[in-house]
Structure formats: C-alpha cells, structure tokens
C-alpha cells in the first residue's frame, strides 16, 4: 500500500479509536481496511478468549468470570489491534499487566498468559501459550514496546513456565466457539474504547458514557453485572449499565469501523448481530436509577 493511502486510512481510524496516528498506521491492513479485525487466526482466537474474560463479571466464577478481567474497565485504555499482535496503550502499564497475569501461585488472570519480555520502563510483551498470540501492554502512545530488555516490575509467570494443570482445567471449561463467532466476539473487545467522530455513539470501555447522555446509571454500579455465554455459532451478551445496546450494535456494523460482513437483525425485543452463520444476541438489563 502506498504510504499516502496508509496514512489516509490511519487518519480515518484515529477518528474512531482515539489512537495516535503512528499507532493507527501500524494497524492498517494490506487491503487498505482499517485493520481492527485483520489478524492471524491465533490472534483472533486469543482476543475472543480475552473478550470472554472481560465480558464476564459477577457470574460463574469457575469460568471466565473467575479470571477477573472485567476490572480492565476501570483503567484508561486505548485498544490498538494489529495483524500480528494486540496492543493496549495505557498510562499505567504495570497495573494493567498485573491484572492480566496470574501470579506465581495461581489466582486470577488469563490462563496461559506469560511475560515474554519487559522493555524500558513502560512496555510488556506478553505471550499466550495455548494460542501463541502476542499481547503488548505499553505506556508509549505509538504502541511500540521500546527500550532495552530488563527485569519486569511485577511478579508474573514468564514464558519459561509451561501451562499448568489448573490453567488447562480452566480453559477446558470454556465452551467451543466457531470461527465466525470468534470474529464477532473479538470484534467486541477491539471496539471497547471506540466512539463515533460525529457523536452518535460511544462504547466507553464498559464503564461510562463519553457522550454524557441523560437517563443512564450512576457510576457507583460499575463494573456491573455482565455475561457472555453460548457455544459454537450462537452467543448472547447480557449486561447492566454502559454501553447502550444500539451503540454496541452500531460499532460492530458501522460501514467504516464495523466488522466486515456483520449485520444487525432487530425485532421488538431482540437485537442480534449476525456474521455468516454466527449470531451474538445483545441483551441489556437496565437497572432503575436511584436518587
């Protein structure tokens, strides 16, 4: 792709993701698409697994809710998907990495995620052993894990430690997910910090409404109940609080930033996103406001 075309695509991507231009340029796909859903297959599988942890809170603590990844909603993040890795840009990379990783004796965190290297003072390169996918958590606005390799500041497992039996058991309890469903669910995670440049919708990291529209829940309830469950091609996402269901549906189907091929199917009481033969039903349970 000519540099001018890549830059133009990156400028469009920035409008929705809030990335710096250098970070967005690194994610533009070879086909000139914005690249939020153009990944190695192992990256898509990993991001769907990460989404399962992030989108489960308050239920089923023997499953993904027990990984406690929903706490990522409370951090300021910019999600920057690339073809060969997923990048999370944050002002507190040590804290975010610590939430993602299990400790030396177990605990919460994404099963199978390991520290591959720590670079400089602001970047962690992580590797997911079961899928082989890479995750970068960095404080660098470009998303590049810059700096010399050195000892990590947090006490997490490294790639020298193979998958434990406890992690194997946790992953074995996760329902199978079809390739198209994985693309949808991965697409949800890749859009948790996106917003419409014209102010029509915003996701707000499942924590708040960036558009400050009236009639929504008070922040004291966050992170609130949420549950992503299903199997194969059929999945359902239930939640309380932010975001608006229509915002999420639009983010997934928007002609510019949406998942290619994803379509909205709506009835009076059912909002579903379809991708091929896979479906993701969106079911928000609104709690009454308190005075």
C-alpha atoms as a PDB file:
ATOM      1  CA  UNK A   1       0.000   0.000   0.000  1.00  0.00           C
ATOM      2  CA  UNK A   2       1.393   3.457  -0.860  1.00  0.00           C
ATOM      3  CA  UNK A   3       2.366   5.472   2.200  1.00  0.00           C
ATOM      4  CA  UNK A   4      -0.188   8.176   1.376  1.00  0.00           C
ATOM      5  CA  UNK A   5      -3.033   5.642   1.299  1.00  0.00           C
ATOM      6  CA  UNK A   6      -1.896   4.070   4.577  1.00  0.00           C
ATOM      7  CA  UNK A   7      -1.754   7.500   6.212  1.00  0.00           C
ATOM      8  CA  UNK A   8      -5.216   8.420   4.928  1.00  0.00           C
ATOM      9  CA  UNK A   9      -6.661   5.148   6.280  1.00  0.00           C
ATOM     10  CA  UNK A  10      -4.869   5.707   9.572  1.00  0.00           C
ATOM     11  CA  UNK A  11      -6.356   9.201   9.885  1.00  0.00           C
ATOM     12  CA  UNK A  12      -9.820   7.704   9.480  1.00  0.00           C
ATOM     13  CA  UNK A  13      -9.076   5.003  12.048  1.00  0.00           C
ATOM     14  CA  UNK A  14      -7.850   7.606  14.555  1.00  0.00           C
ATOM     15  CA  UNK A  15     -11.218   9.371  14.409  1.00  0.00           C
ATOM     16  CA  UNK A  16     -12.897   6.260  15.848  1.00  0.00           C
ATOM     17  CA  UNK A  17     -10.226   4.695  18.068  1.00  0.00           C
ATOM     18  CA  UNK A  18      -8.507   7.705  19.606  1.00  0.00           C
ATOM     19  CA  UNK A  19      -5.079   6.237  18.805  1.00  0.00           C
ATOM     20  CA  UNK A  20      -2.139   8.420  17.879  1.00  0.00           C
ATOM     21  CA  UNK A  21      -1.502   8.422  14.147  1.00  0.00           C
ATOM     22  CA  UNK A  22       1.706   6.379  14.491  1.00  0.00           C
ATOM     23  CA  UNK A  23      -0.192   3.666  16.375  1.00  0.00           C
ATOM     24  CA  UNK A  24      -3.060   3.608  13.874  1.00  0.00           C
ATOM     25  CA  UNK A  25      -0.688   3.352  10.908  1.00  0.00           C
ATOM     26  CA  UNK A  26       0.784   0.164  12.365  1.00  0.00           C
ATOM     27  CA  UNK A  27      -2.666  -1.440  12.358  1.00  0.00           C
ATOM     28  CA  UNK A  28      -3.786  -0.638   8.816  1.00  0.00           C
ATOM     29  CA  UNK A  29      -4.271  -3.830   6.784  1.00  0.00           C
ATOM     30  CA  UNK A  30      -2.681  -4.564   3.419  1.00  0.00           C
ATOM     31  CA  UNK A  31      -6.098  -4.375   1.744  1.00  0.00           C
ATOM     32  CA  UNK A  32      -6.365  -0.741   2.941  1.00  0.00           C
ATOM     33  CA  UNK A  33      -9.048  -1.604   5.503  1.00  0.00           C
ATOM     34  CA  UNK A  34      -8.742  -0.085   8.970  1.00  0.00           C
ATOM     35  CA  UNK A  35      -7.430  -3.370  10.346  1.00  0.00           C
ATOM     36  CA  UNK A  36      -9.394  -3.795  13.570  1.00  0.00           C
ATOM     37  CA  UNK A  37     -10.374  -7.327  12.542  1.00  0.00           C
ATOM     38  CA  UNK A  38      -7.489  -8.369  10.299  1.00  0.00           C
ATOM     39  CA  UNK A  39      -5.442 -10.786  12.398  1.00  0.00           C
ATOM     40  CA  UNK A  40      -3.500 -14.003  12.343  1.00  0.00           C
ATOM     41  CA  UNK A  41      -6.022 -16.775  13.222  1.00  0.00           C
ATOM     42  CA  UNK A  42      -4.280 -17.326  16.557  1.00  0.00           C
ATOM     43  CA  UNK A  43      -4.700 -13.636  17.385  1.00  0.00           C
ATOM     44  CA  UNK A  44      -8.445 -13.828  16.736  1.00  0.00           C
ATOM     45  CA  UNK A  45      -8.769 -16.914  18.956  1.00  0.00           C
ATOM     46  CA  UNK A  46      -6.799 -15.201  21.728  1.00  0.00           C
ATOM     47  CA  UNK A  47      -8.796 -11.974  21.504  1.00  0.00           C
ATOM     48  CA  UNK A  48     -12.067 -13.913  21.704  1.00  0.00           C
ATOM     49  CA  UNK A  49     -10.752 -15.589  24.863  1.00  0.00           C
ATOM     50  CA  UNK A  50      -9.708 -12.221  26.257  1.00  0.00           C
ATOM     51  CA  UNK A  51     -13.191 -10.906  25.480  1.00  0.00           C
ATOM     52  CA  UNK A  52     -14.735 -13.820  27.395  1.00  0.00           C
ATOM     53  CA  UNK A  53     -12.805 -12.793  30.466  1.00  0.00           C
ATOM     54  CA  UNK A  54     -13.527  -9.102  30.028  1.00  0.00           C
ATOM     55  CA  UNK A  55     -17.257  -9.561  29.330  1.00  0.00           C
ATOM     56  CA  UNK A  56     -17.995 -11.821  32.300  1.00  0.00           C
ATOM     57  CA  UNK A  57     -18.453 -10.256  35.725  1.00  0.00           C
ATOM     58  CA  UNK A  58     -20.473 -11.329  38.743  1.00  0.00           C
ATOM     59  CA  UNK A  59     -21.374 -14.827  37.494  1.00  0.00           C
ATOM     60  CA  UNK A  60     -19.860 -18.295  37.065  1.00  0.00           C
ATOM     61  CA  UNK A  61     -16.608 -17.884  38.942  1.00  0.00           C
ATOM     62  CA  UNK A  62     -15.489 -21.333  37.813  1.00  0.00           C
ATOM     63  CA  UNK A  63     -15.401 -19.919  34.281  1.00  0.00           C
ATOM     64  CA  UNK A  64     -14.136 -16.716  32.620  1.00  0.00           C
ATOM     65  CA  UNK A  65     -15.674 -14.501  35.321  1.00  0.00           C
ATOM     66  CA  UNK A  66     -13.166 -16.074  37.696  1.00  0.00           C
ATOM     67  CA  UNK A  67     -10.327 -14.611  35.683  1.00  0.00           C
ATOM     68  CA  UNK A  68     -11.445 -11.148  36.923  1.00  0.00           C
ATOM     69  CA  UNK A  69     -10.538  -9.402  33.676  1.00  0.00           C
ATOM     70  CA  UNK A  70     -13.632  -7.193  33.873  1.00  0.00           C
ATOM     71  CA  UNK A  71     -11.546  -4.948  36.129  1.00  0.00           C
ATOM     72  CA  UNK A  72      -9.893  -3.660  32.933  1.00  0.00           C
ATOM     73  CA  UNK A  73     -12.993  -1.473  32.572  1.00  0.00           C
ATOM     74  CA  UNK A  74     -11.681   0.729  35.374  1.00  0.00           C
ATOM     75  CA  UNK A  75      -8.455   1.636  33.542  1.00  0.00           C
ATOM     76  CA  UNK A  76      -7.896   4.224  30.841  1.00  0.00           C
ATOM     77  CA  UNK A  77      -7.046   2.177  27.759  1.00  0.00           C
ATOM     78  CA  UNK A  78      -6.660   2.629  24.035  1.00  0.00           C
ATOM     79  CA  UNK A  79      -7.121  -0.668  22.197  1.00  0.00           C
ATOM     80  CA  UNK A  80      -4.855  -0.813  19.138  1.00  0.00           C
ATOM     81  CA  UNK A  81      -5.305  -4.062  17.148  1.00  0.00           C
ATOM     82  CA  UNK A  82      -2.547  -5.126  14.740  1.00  0.00           C
ATOM     83  CA  UNK A  83      -2.255  -8.081  12.359  1.00  0.00           C
ATOM     84  CA  UNK A  84       0.384  -9.875  14.434  1.00  0.00           C
ATOM     85  CA  UNK A  85      -0.442  -8.617  17.949  1.00  0.00           C
ATOM     86  CA  UNK A  86      -2.974  -6.809  20.119  1.00  0.00           C
ATOM     87  CA  UNK A  87      -1.726  -3.626  21.773  1.00  0.00           C
ATOM     88  CA  UNK A  88      -3.212  -1.993  24.868  1.00  0.00           C
ATOM     89  CA  UNK A  89      -1.957   1.558  25.375  1.00  0.00           C
ATOM     90  CA  UNK A  90      -2.356   2.884  28.922  1.00  0.00           C
ATOM     91  CA  UNK A  91      -0.786   5.324  31.360  1.00  0.00           C
ATOM     92  CA  UNK A  92      -0.482   2.514  33.941  1.00  0.00           C
ATOM     93  CA  UNK A  93       1.054  -0.459  32.059  1.00  0.00           C
ATOM     94  CA  UNK A  94       2.303  -2.137  35.244  1.00  0.00           C
ATOM     95  CA  UNK A  95      -1.181  -2.147  36.782  1.00  0.00           C
ATOM     96  CA  UNK A  96      -2.925  -3.376  33.638  1.00  0.00           C
ATOM     97  CA  UNK A  97      -0.350  -6.118  33.077  1.00  0.00           C
ATOM     98  CA  UNK A  98      -0.668  -7.197  36.697  1.00  0.00           C
ATOM     99  CA  UNK A  99      -4.424  -7.628  36.249  1.00  0.00           C
ATOM    100  CA  UNK A 100      -3.967  -9.709  33.113  1.00  0.00           C
ATOM    101  CA  UNK A 101      -1.424 -12.138  34.561  1.00  0.00           C
ATOM    102  CA  UNK A 102      -1.766 -14.914  37.088  1.00  0.00           C
ATOM    103  CA  UNK A 103       0.674 -14.873  39.984  1.00  0.00           C
ATOM    104  CA  UNK A 104       3.378 -17.487  40.612  1.00  0.00           C
ATOM    105  CA  UNK A 105       0.966 -19.496  42.811  1.00  0.00           C
ATOM    106  CA  UNK A 106      -2.163 -19.038  40.692  1.00  0.00           C
ATOM    107  CA  UNK A 107      -5.043 -16.656  41.282  1.00  0.00           C
ATOM    108  CA  UNK A 108      -6.926 -14.590  38.731  1.00  0.00           C
ATOM    109  CA  UNK A 109      -5.685 -13.604  35.278  1.00  0.00           C
ATOM    110  CA  UNK A 110      -5.979 -15.017  31.780  1.00  0.00           C
ATOM    111  CA  UNK A 111      -4.965 -18.711  31.807  1.00  0.00           C
ATOM    112  CA  UNK A 112      -1.806 -19.316  29.797  1.00  0.00           C
ATOM    113  CA  UNK A 113      -0.686 -15.676  29.515  1.00  0.00           C
ATOM    114  CA  UNK A 114       3.020 -15.130  30.209  1.00  0.00           C
ATOM    115  CA  UNK A 115       5.621 -12.377  30.250  1.00  0.00           C
ATOM    116  CA  UNK A 116       7.866 -12.695  27.216  1.00  0.00           C
ATOM    117  CA  UNK A 117       9.877  -9.576  27.903  1.00  0.00           C
ATOM    118  CA  UNK A 118       9.820  -6.220  29.678  1.00  0.00           C
ATOM    119  CA  UNK A 119      11.237  -3.300  27.715  1.00  0.00           C
ATOM    120  CA  UNK A 120      12.310   0.065  29.063  1.00  0.00           C
ATOM    121  CA  UNK A 121      10.099   1.301  31.883  1.00  0.00           C
ATOM    122  CA  UNK A 122       6.700   1.265  30.157  1.00  0.00           C
ATOM    123  CA  UNK A 123       6.258  -1.848  27.995  1.00  0.00           C
ATOM    124  CA  UNK A 124       5.393  -5.513  28.500  1.00  0.00           C
ATOM    125  CA  UNK A 125       5.389  -8.069  25.699  1.00  0.00           C
ATOM    126  CA  UNK A 126       3.156 -10.980  26.702  1.00  0.00           C
ATOM    127  CA  UNK A 127       2.657 -14.353  25.024  1.00  0.00           C
ATOM    128  CA  UNK A 128      -0.396 -16.606  25.307  1.00  0.00           C
ATOM    129  CA  UNK A 129       0.938 -20.149  25.364  1.00  0.00           C
ATOM    130  CA  UNK A 130      -2.173 -22.044  24.161  1.00  0.00           C
ATOM    131  CA  UNK A 131      -2.690 -19.893  21.050  1.00  0.00           C
ATOM    132  CA  UNK A 132       0.784 -18.450  20.511  1.00  0.00           C
ATOM    133  CA  UNK A 133      -0.714 -14.957  20.252  1.00  0.00           C
ATOM    134  CA  UNK A 134       1.079 -11.814  21.392  1.00  0.00           C
ATOM    135  CA  UNK A 135      -0.257  -9.023  23.601  1.00  0.00           C
ATOM    136  CA  UNK A 136       1.611  -5.770  24.208  1.00  0.00           C
ATOM    137  CA  UNK A 137       0.783  -3.502  27.139  1.00  0.00           C
ATOM    138  CA  UNK A 138       2.620  -0.199  26.892  1.00  0.00           C
ATOM    139  CA  UNK A 139       2.633   3.387  28.012  1.00  0.00           C
ATOM    140  CA  UNK A 140       4.092   4.505  24.684  1.00  0.00           C
ATOM    141  CA  UNK A 141       1.458   6.351  22.606  1.00  0.00           C
ATOM    142  CA  UNK A 142       2.829   4.742  19.436  1.00  0.00           C
ATOM    143  CA  UNK A 143       2.082   1.287  20.835  1.00  0.00           C
ATOM    144  CA  UNK A 144       5.690   0.248  20.234  1.00  0.00           C
ATOM    145  CA  UNK A 145       7.372  -1.688  23.082  1.00  0.00           C
ATOM    146  CA  UNK A 146      10.515   0.443  23.040  1.00  0.00           C
ATOM    147  CA  UNK A 147      13.551   0.314  25.312  1.00  0.00           C
ATOM    148  CA  UNK A 148      16.136  -2.192  26.452  1.00  0.00           C
ATOM    149  CA  UNK A 149      15.063  -5.549  27.864  1.00  0.00           C
ATOM    150  CA  UNK A 150      15.160  -5.632  31.661  1.00  0.00           C
ATOM    151  CA  UNK A 151      13.576  -7.335  34.657  1.00  0.00           C
ATOM    152  CA  UNK A 152       9.794  -6.884  34.948  1.00  0.00           C
ATOM    153  CA  UNK A 153       8.453  -4.761  37.788  1.00  0.00           C
ATOM    154  CA  UNK A 154       5.684  -7.260  38.535  1.00  0.00           C
ATOM    155  CA  UNK A 155       5.883 -10.831  39.786  1.00  0.00           C
ATOM    156  CA  UNK A 156       4.246 -12.722  36.938  1.00  0.00           C
ATOM    157  CA  UNK A 157       4.895 -16.022  35.210  1.00  0.00           C
ATOM    158  CA  UNK A 158       7.266 -15.928  32.241  1.00  0.00           C
ATOM    159  CA  UNK A 159       7.296 -17.996  29.055  1.00  0.00           C
ATOM    160  CA  UNK A 160       9.710 -20.369  30.809  1.00  0.00           C
ATOM    161  CA  UNK A 161       6.733 -21.692  32.824  1.00  0.00           C
ATOM    162  CA  UNK A 162       4.575 -24.139  30.827  1.00  0.00           C
ATOM    163  CA  UNK A 163       0.792 -24.258  31.047  1.00  0.00           C
ATOM    164  CA  UNK A 164      -0.238 -25.530  34.477  1.00  0.00           C
ATOM    165  CA  UNK A 165      -2.832 -28.224  35.108  1.00  0.00           C
ATOM    166  CA  UNK A 166      -5.084 -25.625  36.773  1.00  0.00           C
ATOM    167  CA  UNK A 167      -4.917 -23.449  33.658  1.00  0.00           C
ATOM    168  CA  UNK A 168      -5.632 -26.442  31.436  1.00  0.00           C
ATOM    169  CA  UNK A 169      -8.711 -27.221  33.522  1.00  0.00           C
ATOM    170  CA  UNK A 170      -9.921 -23.610  33.312  1.00  0.00           C
ATOM    171  CA  UNK A 171      -9.540 -23.489  29.542  1.00  0.00           C
ATOM    172  CA  UNK A 172     -11.201 -26.883  29.121  1.00  0.00           C
ATOM    173  CA  UNK A 173     -14.357 -25.474  30.741  1.00  0.00           C
ATOM    174  CA  UNK A 174     -14.666 -22.748  28.096  1.00  0.00           C
ATOM    175  CA  UNK A 175     -17.343 -23.509  25.510  1.00  0.00           C
ATOM    176  CA  UNK A 176     -16.194 -24.023  21.936  1.00  0.00           C
ATOM    177  CA  UNK A 177     -16.599 -21.032  19.627  1.00  0.00           C
ATOM    178  CA  UNK A 178     -16.887 -21.110  15.844  1.00  0.00           C
ATOM    179  CA  UNK A 179     -14.524 -19.071  13.678  1.00  0.00           C
ATOM    180  CA  UNK A 180     -17.226 -16.559  12.753  1.00  0.00           C
ATOM    181  CA  UNK A 181     -18.370 -16.236  16.354  1.00  0.00           C
ATOM    182  CA  UNK A 182     -14.742 -15.682  17.375  1.00  0.00           C
ATOM    183  CA  UNK A 183     -14.511 -12.823  14.891  1.00  0.00           C
ATOM    184  CA  UNK A 184     -17.643 -11.227  16.342  1.00  0.00           C
ATOM    185  CA  UNK A 185     -16.587 -11.604  19.964  1.00  0.00           C
ATOM    186  CA  UNK A 186     -13.037 -10.485  19.225  1.00  0.00           C
ATOM    187  CA  UNK A 187     -14.590  -7.531  17.405  1.00  0.00           C
ATOM    188  CA  UNK A 188     -16.422  -6.511  20.559  1.00  0.00           C
ATOM    189  CA  UNK A 189     -13.191  -6.350  22.550  1.00  0.00           C
ATOM    190  CA  UNK A 190     -11.344  -4.479  19.802  1.00  0.00           C
ATOM    191  CA  UNK A 191     -14.041  -1.763  19.965  1.00  0.00           C
ATOM    192  CA  UNK A 192     -14.407  -1.265  23.731  1.00  0.00           C
ATOM    193  CA  UNK A 193     -12.799   2.189  23.506  1.00  0.00           C
ATOM    194  CA  UNK A 194     -14.177   3.324  20.133  1.00  0.00           C
ATOM    195  CA  UNK A 195     -16.572   6.199  19.519  1.00  0.00           C
ATOM    196  CA  UNK A 196     -18.232   7.874  16.550  1.00  0.00           C
ATOM    197  CA  UNK A 197     -16.468  11.085  15.474  1.00  0.00           C
ATOM    198  CA  UNK A 198     -19.881  12.684  14.885  1.00  0.00           C
ATOM    199  CA  UNK A 199     -21.005  11.982  18.449  1.00  0.00           C
ATOM    200  CA  UNK A 200     -23.721   9.459  17.590  1.00  0.00           C
ATOM    201  CA  UNK A 201     -22.400   6.528  19.665  1.00  0.00           C
ATOM    202  CA  UNK A 202     -19.614   5.605  22.074  1.00  0.00           C
ATOM    203  CA  UNK A 203     -18.655   2.447  23.979  1.00  0.00           C
ATOM    204  CA  UNK A 204     -16.710   3.976  26.903  1.00  0.00           C
ATOM    205  CA  UNK A 205     -14.801   0.828  27.948  1.00  0.00           C
ATOM    206  CA  UNK A 206     -17.988  -0.587  29.501  1.00  0.00           C
ATOM    207  CA  UNK A 207     -17.545   2.000  32.267  1.00  0.00           C
ATOM    208  CA  UNK A 208     -19.226   5.293  31.358  1.00  0.00           C
ATOM    209  CA  UNK A 209     -20.956   7.180  28.576  1.00  0.00           C
ATOM    210  CA  UNK A 210     -18.434   9.544  26.942  1.00  0.00           C
ATOM    211  CA  UNK A 211     -21.346  11.436  25.344  1.00  0.00           C
ATOM    212  CA  UNK A 212     -22.899  12.135  28.779  1.00  0.00           C
ATOM    213  CA  UNK A 213     -26.453  11.422  27.655  1.00  0.00           C
ATOM    214  CA  UNK A 214     -29.196  11.731  30.300  1.00  0.00           C
ATOM    215  CA  UNK A 215     -31.004   8.805  31.915  1.00  0.00           C
ATOM    216  CA  UNK A 216     -28.118   6.394  32.368  1.00  0.00           C
ATOM    217  CA  UNK A 217     -26.817   4.706  35.501  1.00  0.00           C
ATOM    218  CA  UNK A 218     -24.745   6.250  38.239  1.00  0.00           C
ATOM    219  CA  UNK A 219     -21.054   5.304  38.210  1.00  0.00           C
ATOM    220  CA  UNK A 220     -21.303   3.597  41.621  1.00  0.00           C
ATOM    221  CA  UNK A 221     -22.652   0.480  39.919  1.00  0.00           C
ATOM    222  CA  UNK A 222     -19.617  -0.062  37.713  1.00  0.00           C
ATOM    223  CA  UNK A 223     -18.273  -2.554  36.852  1.00  0.00           C
ATOM    224  CA  UNK A 224     -21.763  -4.032  36.814  1.00  0.00           C
ATOM    225  CA  UNK A 225     -23.083  -7.493  36.006  1.00  0.00           C
ATOM    226  CA  UNK A 226     -22.215  -8.774  32.551  1.00  0.00           C
ATOM    227  CA  UNK A 227     -22.196 -12.206  30.998  1.00  0.00           C
ATOM    228  CA  UNK A 228     -21.073 -13.551  27.625  1.00  0.00           C
ATOM    229  CA  UNK A 229     -22.199 -17.134  27.145  1.00  0.00           C
ATOM    230  CA  UNK A 230     -23.083 -19.622  24.420  1.00  0.00           C
ATOM    231  CA  UNK A 231     -21.421 -22.252  22.243  1.00  0.00           C
ATOM    232  CA  UNK A 232     -20.474 -22.769  18.636  1.00  0.00           C
ATOM    233  CA  UNK A 233     -22.238 -20.223  16.434  1.00  0.00           C
ATOM    234  CA  UNK A 234     -24.763 -18.950  18.990  1.00  0.00           C
ATOM    235  CA  UNK A 235     -23.784 -16.457  21.712  1.00  0.00           C
ATOM    236  CA  UNK A 236     -25.519 -13.976  23.976  1.00  0.00           C
ATOM    237  CA  UNK A 237     -24.139 -10.932  25.751  1.00  0.00           C
ATOM    238  CA  UNK A 238     -26.084  -9.683  28.783  1.00  0.00           C
ATOM    239  CA  UNK A 239     -25.109  -6.639  30.851  1.00  0.00           C
ATOM    240  CA  UNK A 240     -26.182  -3.780  33.078  1.00  0.00           C
ATOM    241  CA  UNK A 241     -25.009  -0.187  32.833  1.00  0.00           C
ATOM    242  CA  UNK A 242     -22.998   1.093  29.857  1.00  0.00           C
ATOM    243  CA  UNK A 243     -22.858   0.920  26.898  1.00  0.00           C
ATOM    244  CA  UNK A 244     -26.154   1.459  25.119  1.00  0.00           C
ATOM    245  CA  UNK A 245     -27.071  -1.689  23.120  1.00  0.00           C
ATOM    246  CA  UNK A 246     -27.627   0.375  19.990  1.00  0.00           C
ATOM    247  CA  UNK A 247     -24.161   1.908  20.385  1.00  0.00           C
ATOM    248  CA  UNK A 248     -22.551  -1.515  20.525  1.00  0.00           C
ATOM    249  CA  UNK A 249     -24.595  -2.775  17.578  1.00  0.00           C
ATOM    250  CA  UNK A 250     -23.599   0.281  15.545  1.00  0.00           C
ATOM    251  CA  UNK A 251     -19.921  -0.083  16.437  1.00  0.00           C
ATOM    252  CA  UNK A 252     -19.999  -3.677  15.157  1.00  0.00           C
ATOM    253  CA  UNK A 253     -21.891  -2.903  11.944  1.00  0.00           C
ATOM    254  CA  UNK A 254     -20.784   0.640  11.073  1.00  0.00           C
ATOM    255  CA  UNK A 255     -19.777   0.850   7.382  1.00  0.00           C
ATOM    256  CA  UNK A 256     -16.439   2.439   8.295  1.00  0.00           C
ATOM    257  CA  UNK A 257     -15.332   0.860  11.582  1.00  0.00           C
ATOM    258  CA  UNK A 258     -17.566  -2.217  11.862  1.00  0.00           C
ATOM    259  CA  UNK A 259     -16.735  -5.915  11.434  1.00  0.00           C
ATOM    260  CA  UNK A 260     -16.792  -6.643   7.699  1.00  0.00           C
ATOM    261  CA  UNK A 261     -19.929  -8.626   6.858  1.00  0.00           C
ATOM    262  CA  UNK A 262     -21.608  -8.135  10.249  1.00  0.00           C
ATOM    263  CA  UNK A 263     -25.320  -7.324  10.050  1.00  0.00           C
ATOM    264  CA  UNK A 264     -27.895  -6.098  12.547  1.00  0.00           C
ATOM    265  CA  UNK A 265     -31.065  -8.165  12.977  1.00  0.00           C
ATOM    266  CA  UNK A 266     -33.661  -6.438  15.168  1.00  0.00           C
ATOM    267  CA  UNK A 267     -37.121  -7.230  16.460  1.00  0.00           C
ATOM    268  CA  UNK A 268     -39.205  -5.508  19.123  1.00  0.00           C
ATOM    269  CA  UNK A 269     -37.422  -7.336  21.952  1.00  0.00           C
ATOM    270  CA  UNK A 270     -34.301  -8.742  20.324  1.00  0.00           C
ATOM    271  CA  UNK A 271     -31.158  -7.061  18.994  1.00  0.00           C
ATOM    272  CA  UNK A 272     -28.790  -9.527  17.344  1.00  0.00           C
ATOM    273  CA  UNK A 273     -25.605  -9.145  15.337  1.00  0.00           C
ATOM    274  CA  UNK A 274     -25.021 -11.798  12.682  1.00  0.00           C
ATOM    275  CA  UNK A 275     -21.816 -12.712  10.869  1.00  0.00           C
ATOM    276  CA  UNK A 276     -22.299 -15.530   8.406  1.00  0.00           C
ATOM    277  CA  UNK A 277     -23.993 -18.278  10.395  1.00  0.00           C
ATOM    278  CA  UNK A 278     -22.856 -16.896  13.779  1.00  0.00           C
ATOM    279  CA  UNK A 279     -25.076 -14.718  15.974  1.00  0.00           C
ATOM    280  CA  UNK A 280     -24.446 -12.531  19.006  1.00  0.00           C
ATOM    281  CA  UNK A 281     -27.616 -11.507  20.847  1.00  0.00           C
ATOM    282  CA  UNK A 282     -27.359  -8.236  22.793  1.00  0.00           C
ATOM    283  CA  UNK A 283     -29.445  -8.143  25.952  1.00  0.00           C
ATOM    284  CA  UNK A 284     -29.029  -5.168  28.278  1.00  0.00           C
ATOM    285  CA  UNK A 285     -30.762  -5.239  31.651  1.00  0.00           C
ATOM    286  CA  UNK A 286     -31.332  -1.665  32.755  1.00  0.00           C
ATOM    287  CA  UNK A 287     -31.477  -1.053  36.499  1.00  0.00           C
ATOM    288  CA  UNK A 288     -33.635   1.662  37.924  1.00  0.00           C
ATOM    289  CA  UNK A 289     -31.873   4.877  38.807  1.00  0.00           C
ATOM    290  CA  UNK A 290     -31.529   5.679  42.497  1.00  0.00           C
ATOM    291  CA  UNK A 291     -31.951   9.112  43.987  1.00  0.00           C
END
